[in-house]
Amino acid sequence: MKNYFRNIGLVALVVIAFSACKKDEDTIDTTYPEIDLSIASASPVQCGEILRGQKFTFRAKFSDNVALGSYSLDVHHNFDQHNHTTEVNSCAQDAKKTPIKPFLFIKDFSIPANSKEYIATTEIDIPTDVDSGDYHFLIRLTDKEGWQTIKGISIKIK
């Protein structure tokens, strides 16, 4: 009987010891990263114009509560006047037209590991022989956890 109570006491002691230990629980990141186009010299701007045959610099501030991952840029024609529901206000559009030689730029970029803030700058060449007109400039920002924010800007290539 002494062994029985000793074993019960041992089991109770082990249970108390394990329940007293605090578990380190990782906080799950459920916050979307942010794209800030209100910084000084942010580019392009909504309804802005970009000239054929010249370079322009994309510039935006990215932030996340834990860690940024990567971003991608997508510039494509809007000659059919479609939308992505990410633009905050609309711009005057040219008449619909059929593309002949539209400009297309799609590229992914990495962000230094464990960055909570990052100023993105990318130089983009606009060839002289691309179609002028309405274009969409899409920015996709993904954080380390995989949450993504998309921001669209309407621009004109002249």
N, C-alpha and C. Protein backbone atom coordinates (compact mmCIF):
# COMPACT_ATOMS: atom_id res chain seq x y z
N MET A 1 0.82 -1.19 0.00
CA MET A 1 0.00 0.00 0.00
C MET A 1 0.86 1.25 0.00
N LYS A 2 2.03 1.16 0.71
CA LYS A 2 2.94 2.31 0.71
C LYS A 2 3.42 2.62 -0.70
N ASN A 3 3.73 1.57 -1.46
CA ASN A 3 4.19 1.78 -2.85
C ASN A 3 3.10 2.43 -3.71
N TYR A 4 1.85 2.03 -3.45
CA TYR A 4 0.73 2.59 -4.20
C TYR A 4 0.64 4.10 -3.98
N PHE A 5 0.68 4.54 -2.72
CA PHE A 5 0.59 5.97 -2.42
C PHE A 5 1.83 6.72 -2.91
N ARG A 6 2.98 6.05 -2.82
CA ARG A 6 4.21 6.68 -3.31
C ARG A 6 4.11 6.88 -4.84
N ASN A 7 3.60 5.88 -5.55
CA ASN A 7 3.44 6.01 -7.01
C ASN A 7 2.42 7.09 -7.37
N ILE A 8 1.32 7.14 -6.64
CA ILE A 8 0.31 8.18 -6.86
C ILE A 8 0.93 9.55 -6.62
N GLY A 9 1.68 9.67 -5.55
CA GLY A 9 2.34 10.94 -5.23
C GLY A 9 3.34 11.33 -6.30
N LEU A 10 4.07 10.36 -6.83
CA LEU A 10 5.04 10.62 -7.89
C LEU A 10 4.34 11.10 -9.16
N VAL A 11 3.25 10.43 -9.51
CA VAL A 11 2.48 10.82 -10.70
C VAL A 11 1.92 12.23 -10.51
N ALA A 12 1.39 12.53 -9.34
CA ALA A 12 0.85 13.86 -9.06
C ALA A 12 1.94 14.92 -9.17
N LEU A 13 3.12 14.61 -8.66
CA LEU A 13 4.24 15.54 -8.73
C LEU A 13 4.65 15.81 -10.18
N VAL A 14 4.69 14.77 -11.00
CA VAL A 14 5.04 14.93 -12.42
C VAL A 14 3.98 15.77 -13.13
N VAL A 15 2.72 15.50 -12.86
CA VAL A 15 1.63 16.27 -13.49
C VAL A 15 1.73 17.74 -13.10
N ILE A 16 1.96 18.02 -11.85
CA ILE A 16 2.10 19.41 -11.39
C ILE A 16 3.30 20.07 -12.04
N ALA A 17 4.41 19.35 -12.15
CA ALA A 17 5.62 19.91 -12.75
C ALA A 17 5.39 20.29 -14.21
N PHE A 18 4.73 19.39 -14.96
CA PHE A 18 4.49 19.68 -16.38
C PHE A 18 3.45 20.78 -16.58
N SER A 19 2.45 20.83 -15.74
CA SER A 19 1.43 21.86 -15.90
C SER A 19 1.94 23.23 -15.46
N ALA A 20 2.95 23.26 -14.63
CA ALA A 20 3.52 24.53 -14.18
C ALA A 20 4.43 25.15 -15.23
N CYS A 21 4.92 24.33 -16.17
CA CYS A 21 5.81 24.85 -17.22
C CYS A 21 5.00 25.70 -18.20
N LYS A 22 5.51 26.86 -18.52
CA LYS A 22 4.84 27.73 -19.48
C LYS A 22 5.33 27.36 -20.88
N LYS A 23 4.41 27.16 -21.77
CA LYS A 23 4.77 26.83 -23.14
C LYS A 23 5.05 28.11 -23.91
N ASP A 24 6.10 28.08 -24.72
CA ASP A 24 6.38 29.22 -25.60
C ASP A 24 5.52 29.06 -26.85
N GLU A 25 4.52 29.88 -26.95
CA GLU A 25 3.63 29.81 -28.10
C GLU A 25 3.99 30.93 -29.07
N ASP A 26 4.25 30.54 -30.33
CA ASP A 26 4.55 31.52 -31.36
C ASP A 26 3.28 32.27 -31.73
N THR A 27 3.38 33.58 -31.84
CA THR A 27 2.26 34.38 -32.27
C THR A 27 2.11 34.22 -33.78
N ILE A 28 0.90 34.00 -34.21
CA ILE A 28 0.65 33.83 -35.64
C ILE A 28 0.43 35.20 -36.26
N ASP A 29 1.16 35.47 -37.33
CA ASP A 29 1.05 36.75 -38.05
C ASP A 29 -0.17 36.69 -38.96
N THR A 30 -1.15 37.54 -38.70
CA THR A 30 -2.35 37.61 -39.54
C THR A 30 -2.55 39.01 -40.10
N THR A 31 -1.50 39.82 -40.08
CA THR A 31 -1.58 41.20 -40.53
C THR A 31 -1.00 41.33 -41.94
N TYR A 32 -1.74 41.99 -42.81
CA TYR A 32 -1.27 42.22 -44.18
C TYR A 32 -0.13 43.24 -44.19
N PRO A 33 0.82 43.08 -45.11
CA PRO A 33 1.87 44.09 -45.25
C PRO A 33 1.27 45.36 -45.86
N GLU A 34 1.98 46.48 -45.73
CA GLU A 34 1.46 47.76 -46.22
C GLU A 34 2.35 48.35 -47.30
N ILE A 35 1.69 48.95 -48.29
CA ILE A 35 2.36 49.66 -49.38
C ILE A 35 2.05 51.14 -49.19
N ASP A 36 3.09 51.95 -49.02
CA ASP A 36 2.92 53.38 -48.78
C ASP A 36 3.42 54.16 -49.99
N LEU A 37 2.49 54.79 -50.69
CA LEU A 37 2.84 55.61 -51.86
C LEU A 37 2.74 57.10 -51.54
N SER A 38 2.71 57.43 -50.25
CA SER A 38 2.63 58.84 -49.86
C SER A 38 3.99 59.39 -49.46
N ILE A 39 5.04 58.58 -49.57
CA ILE A 39 6.38 59.05 -49.21
C ILE A 39 6.89 60.04 -50.24
N ALA A 40 7.87 60.84 -49.85
CA ALA A 40 8.48 61.79 -50.78
C ALA A 40 9.07 61.03 -51.96
N SER A 41 8.86 61.53 -53.12
CA SER A 41 9.34 60.99 -54.40
C SER A 41 8.80 59.59 -54.71
N ALA A 42 7.62 59.25 -54.18
CA ALA A 42 6.98 57.99 -54.56
C ALA A 42 6.64 58.06 -56.05
N SER A 43 6.79 56.94 -56.72
CA SER A 43 6.56 56.94 -58.16
C SER A 43 6.24 55.52 -58.62
N PRO A 44 5.30 55.37 -59.54
CA PRO A 44 4.49 56.40 -60.17
C PRO A 44 3.32 56.79 -59.26
N VAL A 45 2.64 57.84 -59.65
CA VAL A 45 1.47 58.29 -58.90
C VAL A 45 0.22 58.02 -59.73
N GLN A 46 -0.91 57.93 -59.06
CA GLN A 46 -2.18 57.70 -59.73
C GLN A 46 -2.40 58.77 -60.79
N CYS A 47 -2.73 58.34 -62.00
CA CYS A 47 -2.99 59.20 -63.16
C CYS A 47 -1.72 59.88 -63.67
N GLY A 48 -0.57 59.41 -63.25
CA GLY A 48 0.70 60.00 -63.70
C GLY A 48 1.03 59.61 -65.14
N GLU A 49 1.96 60.36 -65.73
CA GLU A 49 2.40 60.10 -67.10
C GLU A 49 3.86 59.69 -67.12
N ILE A 50 4.15 58.72 -67.97
CA ILE A 50 5.52 58.23 -68.16
C ILE A 50 5.81 58.34 -69.65
N LEU A 51 7.01 58.78 -69.98
CA LEU A 51 7.35 59.01 -71.38
C LEU A 51 8.06 57.82 -72.01
N ARG A 52 7.65 57.52 -73.26
CA ARG A 52 8.34 56.47 -74.01
C ARG A 52 9.78 56.89 -74.27
N GLY A 53 10.66 55.91 -74.32
CA GLY A 53 12.06 56.18 -74.60
C GLY A 53 12.84 56.69 -73.40
N GLN A 54 12.22 56.68 -72.24
CA GLN A 54 12.90 57.15 -71.04
C GLN A 54 12.80 56.11 -69.93
N LYS A 55 13.64 56.29 -68.93
CA LYS A 55 13.60 55.45 -67.74
C LYS A 55 12.82 56.20 -66.66
N PHE A 56 12.16 55.44 -65.82
CA PHE A 56 11.58 56.06 -64.63
C PHE A 56 11.86 55.12 -63.46
N THR A 57 11.82 55.68 -62.27
CA THR A 57 12.14 54.90 -61.08
C THR A 57 10.88 54.67 -60.25
N PHE A 58 10.57 53.39 -60.05
CA PHE A 58 9.51 53.02 -59.11
C PHE A 58 10.06 53.23 -57.71
N ARG A 59 9.25 53.84 -56.85
CA ARG A 59 9.69 54.07 -55.46
C ARG A 59 8.47 54.01 -54.55
N ALA A 60 8.56 53.16 -53.52
CA ALA A 60 7.49 53.02 -52.54
C ALA A 60 8.08 52.50 -51.23
N LYS A 61 7.34 52.73 -50.15
CA LYS A 61 7.77 52.23 -48.84
C LYS A 61 6.89 51.03 -48.48
N PHE A 62 7.55 49.94 -48.10
CA PHE A 62 6.85 48.74 -47.68
C PHE A 62 7.07 48.53 -46.18
N SER A 63 6.06 48.02 -45.49
CA SER A 63 6.23 47.72 -44.06
C SER A 63 5.37 46.53 -43.68
N ASP A 64 5.79 45.87 -42.60
CA ASP A 64 5.06 44.73 -42.06
C ASP A 64 5.32 44.66 -40.56
N ASN A 65 4.38 44.10 -39.82
CA ASN A 65 4.53 44.01 -38.37
C ASN A 65 5.57 42.97 -37.94
N VAL A 66 5.86 41.97 -38.78
CA VAL A 66 6.83 40.93 -38.43
C VAL A 66 8.02 40.94 -39.38
N ALA A 67 7.80 40.58 -40.64
CA ALA A 67 8.90 40.55 -41.62
C ALA A 67 8.34 40.55 -43.04
N LEU A 68 8.93 41.37 -43.89
CA LEU A 68 8.56 41.41 -45.30
C LEU A 68 9.15 40.21 -46.02
N GLY A 69 8.57 39.86 -47.16
CA GLY A 69 9.06 38.74 -47.94
C GLY A 69 9.61 39.17 -49.28
N SER A 70 8.71 39.54 -50.20
CA SER A 70 9.12 39.93 -51.55
C SER A 70 8.05 40.83 -52.16
N TYR A 71 8.38 41.39 -53.32
CA TYR A 71 7.38 42.17 -54.04
C TYR A 71 7.52 41.91 -55.53
N SER A 72 6.46 42.20 -56.26
CA SER A 72 6.51 42.08 -57.71
C SER A 72 5.82 43.28 -58.32
N LEU A 73 6.27 43.61 -59.51
CA LEU A 73 5.70 44.72 -60.28
C LEU A 73 5.14 44.16 -61.57
N ASP A 74 3.99 44.67 -61.97
CA ASP A 74 3.32 44.22 -63.18
C ASP A 74 2.76 45.45 -63.87
N VAL A 75 3.33 45.78 -65.03
CA VAL A 75 2.83 46.90 -65.83
C VAL A 75 2.25 46.30 -67.11
N HIS A 76 0.99 46.57 -67.37
CA HIS A 76 0.33 46.03 -68.56
C HIS A 76 -0.68 47.05 -69.09
N HIS A 77 -1.03 46.90 -70.37
CA HIS A 77 -1.94 47.87 -71.00
C HIS A 77 -3.35 47.76 -70.43
N ASN A 78 -4.05 48.87 -70.53
CA ASN A 78 -5.46 48.93 -70.14
C ASN A 78 -6.27 49.49 -71.31
N PHE A 79 -5.94 49.04 -72.49
CA PHE A 79 -6.62 49.55 -73.69
C PHE A 79 -8.07 49.08 -73.75
N ASP A 80 -8.41 48.02 -73.00
CA ASP A 80 -9.79 47.53 -72.95
C ASP A 80 -10.57 48.10 -71.76
N GLN A 81 -9.93 48.96 -71.00
CA GLN A 81 -10.53 49.67 -69.86
C GLN A 81 -11.03 48.73 -68.75
N HIS A 82 -10.29 47.65 -68.50
CA HIS A 82 -10.62 46.76 -67.38
C HIS A 82 -10.16 47.41 -66.08
N ASN A 83 -10.55 46.83 -64.95
CA ASN A 83 -10.06 47.36 -63.67
C ASN A 83 -9.71 46.21 -62.74
N HIS A 84 -8.98 46.55 -61.69
CA HIS A 84 -8.54 45.57 -60.71
C HIS A 84 -9.13 45.85 -59.33
N THR A 85 -9.96 46.85 -59.21
CA THR A 85 -10.60 47.28 -57.95
C THR A 85 -9.60 47.60 -56.85
N THR A 86 -8.39 47.97 -57.22
CA THR A 86 -7.40 48.36 -56.21
C THR A 86 -7.07 49.84 -56.29
N GLU A 87 -7.57 50.51 -57.31
CA GLU A 87 -7.29 51.94 -57.46
C GLU A 87 -8.23 52.75 -56.58
N VAL A 88 -7.69 53.81 -55.99
CA VAL A 88 -8.51 54.62 -55.08
C VAL A 88 -9.36 55.64 -55.82
N ASN A 89 -8.92 56.08 -56.97
CA ASN A 89 -9.74 56.99 -57.78
C ASN A 89 -9.45 56.73 -59.25
N SER A 90 -10.39 57.13 -60.10
CA SER A 90 -10.24 56.83 -61.52
C SER A 90 -9.58 58.00 -62.25
N CYS A 91 -9.07 57.69 -63.43
CA CYS A 91 -8.39 58.69 -64.26
C CYS A 91 -9.14 58.79 -65.58
N ALA A 92 -8.95 59.90 -66.27
CA ALA A 92 -9.52 60.04 -67.61
C ALA A 92 -8.87 59.00 -68.51
N GLN A 93 -9.70 58.27 -69.26
CA GLN A 93 -9.17 57.21 -70.12
C GLN A 93 -9.31 57.56 -71.59
N ASP A 94 -8.35 57.07 -72.37
CA ASP A 94 -8.44 57.18 -73.82
C ASP A 94 -9.53 56.22 -74.30
N ALA A 95 -9.92 56.36 -75.56
CA ALA A 95 -10.89 55.43 -76.14
C ALA A 95 -10.29 54.02 -76.19
N LYS A 96 -11.16 53.01 -76.13
CA LYS A 96 -10.69 51.63 -76.23
C LYS A 96 -9.97 51.45 -77.56
N LYS A 97 -8.92 50.61 -77.54
CA LYS A 97 -8.19 50.35 -78.78
C LYS A 97 -7.56 48.97 -78.72
N THR A 98 -7.17 48.48 -79.89
CA THR A 98 -6.51 47.18 -79.99
C THR A 98 -5.01 47.38 -79.86
N PRO A 99 -4.37 46.64 -78.95
CA PRO A 99 -2.93 46.80 -78.80
C PRO A 99 -2.17 46.30 -80.03
N ILE A 100 -1.12 47.03 -80.39
CA ILE A 100 -0.24 46.61 -81.48
C ILE A 100 1.09 46.16 -80.90
N LYS A 101 1.71 47.03 -80.11
CA LYS A 101 2.95 46.68 -79.42
C LYS A 101 2.89 47.24 -78.00
N PRO A 102 2.09 46.61 -77.14
CA PRO A 102 1.93 47.13 -75.78
C PRO A 102 3.17 46.88 -74.94
N PHE A 103 3.40 47.76 -73.97
CA PHE A 103 4.49 47.58 -73.01
C PHE A 103 4.04 46.56 -71.98
N LEU A 104 4.93 45.64 -71.62
CA LEU A 104 4.65 44.65 -70.59
C LEU A 104 5.89 44.47 -69.73
N PHE A 105 5.71 44.62 -68.43
CA PHE A 105 6.81 44.45 -67.48
C PHE A 105 6.28 43.67 -66.29
N ILE A 106 6.83 42.48 -66.06
CA ILE A 106 6.46 41.67 -64.90
C ILE A 106 7.75 41.14 -64.31
N LYS A 107 7.99 41.49 -63.04
CA LYS A 107 9.25 41.06 -62.42
C LYS A 107 9.07 40.94 -60.91
N ASP A 108 9.72 39.91 -60.34
CA ASP A 108 9.72 39.68 -58.89
C ASP A 108 11.02 40.20 -58.29
N PHE A 109 10.92 40.68 -57.06
CA PHE A 109 12.08 41.23 -56.35
C PHE A 109 12.11 40.70 -54.92
N SER A 110 13.30 40.40 -54.43
CA SER A 110 13.43 39.96 -53.04
C SER A 110 13.66 41.18 -52.15
N ILE A 111 13.37 41.01 -50.88
CA ILE A 111 13.58 42.04 -49.86
C ILE A 111 14.53 41.43 -48.84
N PRO A 112 15.51 42.19 -48.35
CA PRO A 112 16.44 41.63 -47.36
C PRO A 112 15.70 40.94 -46.20
N ALA A 113 16.22 39.80 -45.79
CA ALA A 113 15.58 38.97 -44.75
C ALA A 113 15.33 39.76 -43.46
N ASN A 114 14.20 39.48 -42.85
CA ASN A 114 13.78 40.04 -41.55
C ASN A 114 13.58 41.55 -41.56
N SER A 115 13.36 42.14 -42.72
CA SER A 115 13.09 43.58 -42.81
C SER A 115 11.64 43.85 -42.43
N LYS A 116 11.44 44.82 -41.55
CA LYS A 116 10.08 45.26 -41.22
C LYS A 116 9.69 46.46 -42.07
N GLU A 117 10.68 47.21 -42.54
CA GLU A 117 10.46 48.35 -43.44
C GLU A 117 11.47 48.27 -44.56
N TYR A 118 11.03 48.72 -45.74
CA TYR A 118 11.92 48.67 -46.90
C TYR A 118 11.48 49.74 -47.90
N ILE A 119 12.42 50.52 -48.38
CA ILE A 119 12.14 51.48 -49.46
C ILE A 119 12.53 50.79 -50.76
N ALA A 120 11.54 50.49 -51.56
CA ALA A 120 11.79 49.80 -52.83
C ALA A 120 12.06 50.83 -53.92
N THR A 121 13.10 50.61 -54.68
CA THR A 121 13.40 51.44 -55.84
C THR A 121 13.82 50.52 -56.98
N THR A 122 13.19 50.72 -58.12
CA THR A 122 13.49 49.92 -59.30
C THR A 122 13.43 50.81 -60.52
N GLU A 123 14.47 50.78 -61.32
CA GLU A 123 14.49 51.57 -62.55
C GLU A 123 13.89 50.74 -63.68
N ILE A 124 12.96 51.34 -64.41
CA ILE A 124 12.27 50.65 -65.49
C ILE A 124 12.44 51.45 -66.78
N ASP A 125 12.89 50.77 -67.84
CA ASP A 125 13.05 51.37 -69.17
C ASP A 125 11.75 51.25 -69.94
N ILE A 126 11.31 52.35 -70.53
CA ILE A 126 10.14 52.31 -71.40
C ILE A 126 10.66 52.47 -72.84
N PRO A 127 10.54 51.43 -73.66
CA PRO A 127 11.04 51.53 -75.04
C PRO A 127 10.30 52.61 -75.83
N THR A 128 10.95 53.13 -76.84
CA THR A 128 10.36 54.21 -77.66
C THR A 128 9.23 53.71 -78.55
N ASP A 129 9.23 52.43 -78.89
CA ASP A 129 8.29 51.93 -79.89
C ASP A 129 7.06 51.23 -79.32
N VAL A 130 6.81 51.35 -78.01
CA VAL A 130 5.62 50.70 -77.43
C VAL A 130 4.40 51.59 -77.63
N ASP A 131 3.23 50.96 -77.58
CA ASP A 131 1.98 51.70 -77.71
C ASP A 131 1.83 52.71 -76.58
N SER A 132 1.41 53.90 -76.93
CA SER A 132 1.07 54.89 -75.90
C SER A 132 -0.36 54.62 -75.45
N GLY A 133 -0.70 55.13 -74.28
CA GLY A 133 -2.07 54.99 -73.81
C GLY A 133 -2.15 54.63 -72.34
N ASP A 134 -3.30 54.06 -71.97
CA ASP A 134 -3.59 53.73 -70.58
C ASP A 134 -2.95 52.40 -70.18
N TYR A 135 -2.35 52.41 -68.99
CA TYR A 135 -1.70 51.22 -68.45
C TYR A 135 -2.03 51.08 -66.97
N HIS A 136 -1.90 49.87 -66.49
CA HIS A 136 -1.99 49.60 -65.05
C HIS A 136 -0.61 49.25 -64.53
N PHE A 137 -0.30 49.78 -63.36
CA PHE A 137 0.95 49.49 -62.66
C PHE A 137 0.55 48.82 -61.35
N LEU A 138 0.72 47.50 -61.28
CA LEU A 138 0.32 46.75 -60.09
C LEU A 138 1.53 46.43 -59.22
N ILE A 139 1.37 46.63 -57.93
CA ILE A 139 2.40 46.31 -56.94
C ILE A 139 1.83 45.21 -56.06
N ARG A 140 2.54 44.11 -55.98
CA ARG A 140 2.14 43.01 -55.09
C ARG A 140 3.22 42.85 -54.02
N LEU A 141 2.83 43.00 -52.78
CA LEU A 141 3.76 42.89 -51.65
C LEU A 141 3.34 41.70 -50.78
N THR A 142 4.29 40.80 -50.54
CA THR A 142 4.03 39.61 -49.73
C THR A 142 4.93 39.62 -48.51
N ASP A 143 4.35 39.32 -47.35
CA ASP A 143 5.20 39.25 -46.15
C ASP A 143 5.74 37.83 -45.99
N LYS A 144 6.59 37.64 -45.00
CA LYS A 144 7.27 36.35 -44.79
C LYS A 144 6.27 35.22 -44.55
N GLU A 145 5.14 35.55 -43.94
CA GLU A 145 4.11 34.54 -43.62
C GLU A 145 3.26 34.18 -44.83
N GLY A 146 3.30 35.02 -45.88
CA GLY A 146 2.54 34.74 -47.09
C GLY A 146 1.35 35.65 -47.33
N TRP A 147 1.07 36.59 -46.42
CA TRP A 147 -0.02 37.55 -46.62
C TRP A 147 0.38 38.51 -47.72
N GLN A 148 -0.57 38.87 -48.58
CA GLN A 148 -0.26 39.71 -49.73
C GLN A 148 -1.19 40.92 -49.80
N THR A 149 -0.59 42.06 -50.15
CA THR A 149 -1.33 43.29 -50.42
C THR A 149 -1.07 43.67 -51.86
N ILE A 150 -2.13 44.08 -52.56
CA ILE A 150 -2.00 44.49 -53.96
C ILE A 150 -2.49 45.92 -54.07
N LYS A 151 -1.71 46.74 -54.75
CA LYS A 151 -2.12 48.12 -55.00
C LYS A 151 -1.96 48.39 -56.49
N GLY A 152 -2.99 48.95 -57.09
CA GLY A 152 -2.97 49.27 -58.51
C GLY A 152 -2.95 50.76 -58.74
N ILE A 153 -2.20 51.17 -59.74
CA ILE A 153 -2.10 52.58 -60.10
C ILE A 153 -2.38 52.68 -61.60
N SER A 154 -3.24 53.60 -61.98
CA SER A 154 -3.48 53.85 -63.40
C SER A 154 -2.50 54.91 -63.87
N ILE A 155 -1.82 54.63 -64.98
CA ILE A 155 -0.85 55.57 -65.55
C ILE A 155 -1.07 55.68 -67.05
N LYS A 156 -0.45 56.67 -67.64
CA LYS A 156 -0.44 56.81 -69.09
C LYS A 156 1.00 56.78 -69.56
N ILE A 157 1.23 56.06 -70.64
CA ILE A 157 2.52 56.11 -71.32
C ILE A 157 2.31 56.99 -72.53
N LYS A 158 3.10 58.07 -72.62
CA LYS A 158 2.96 59.05 -73.71
C LYS A 158 4.06 58.89 -74.73
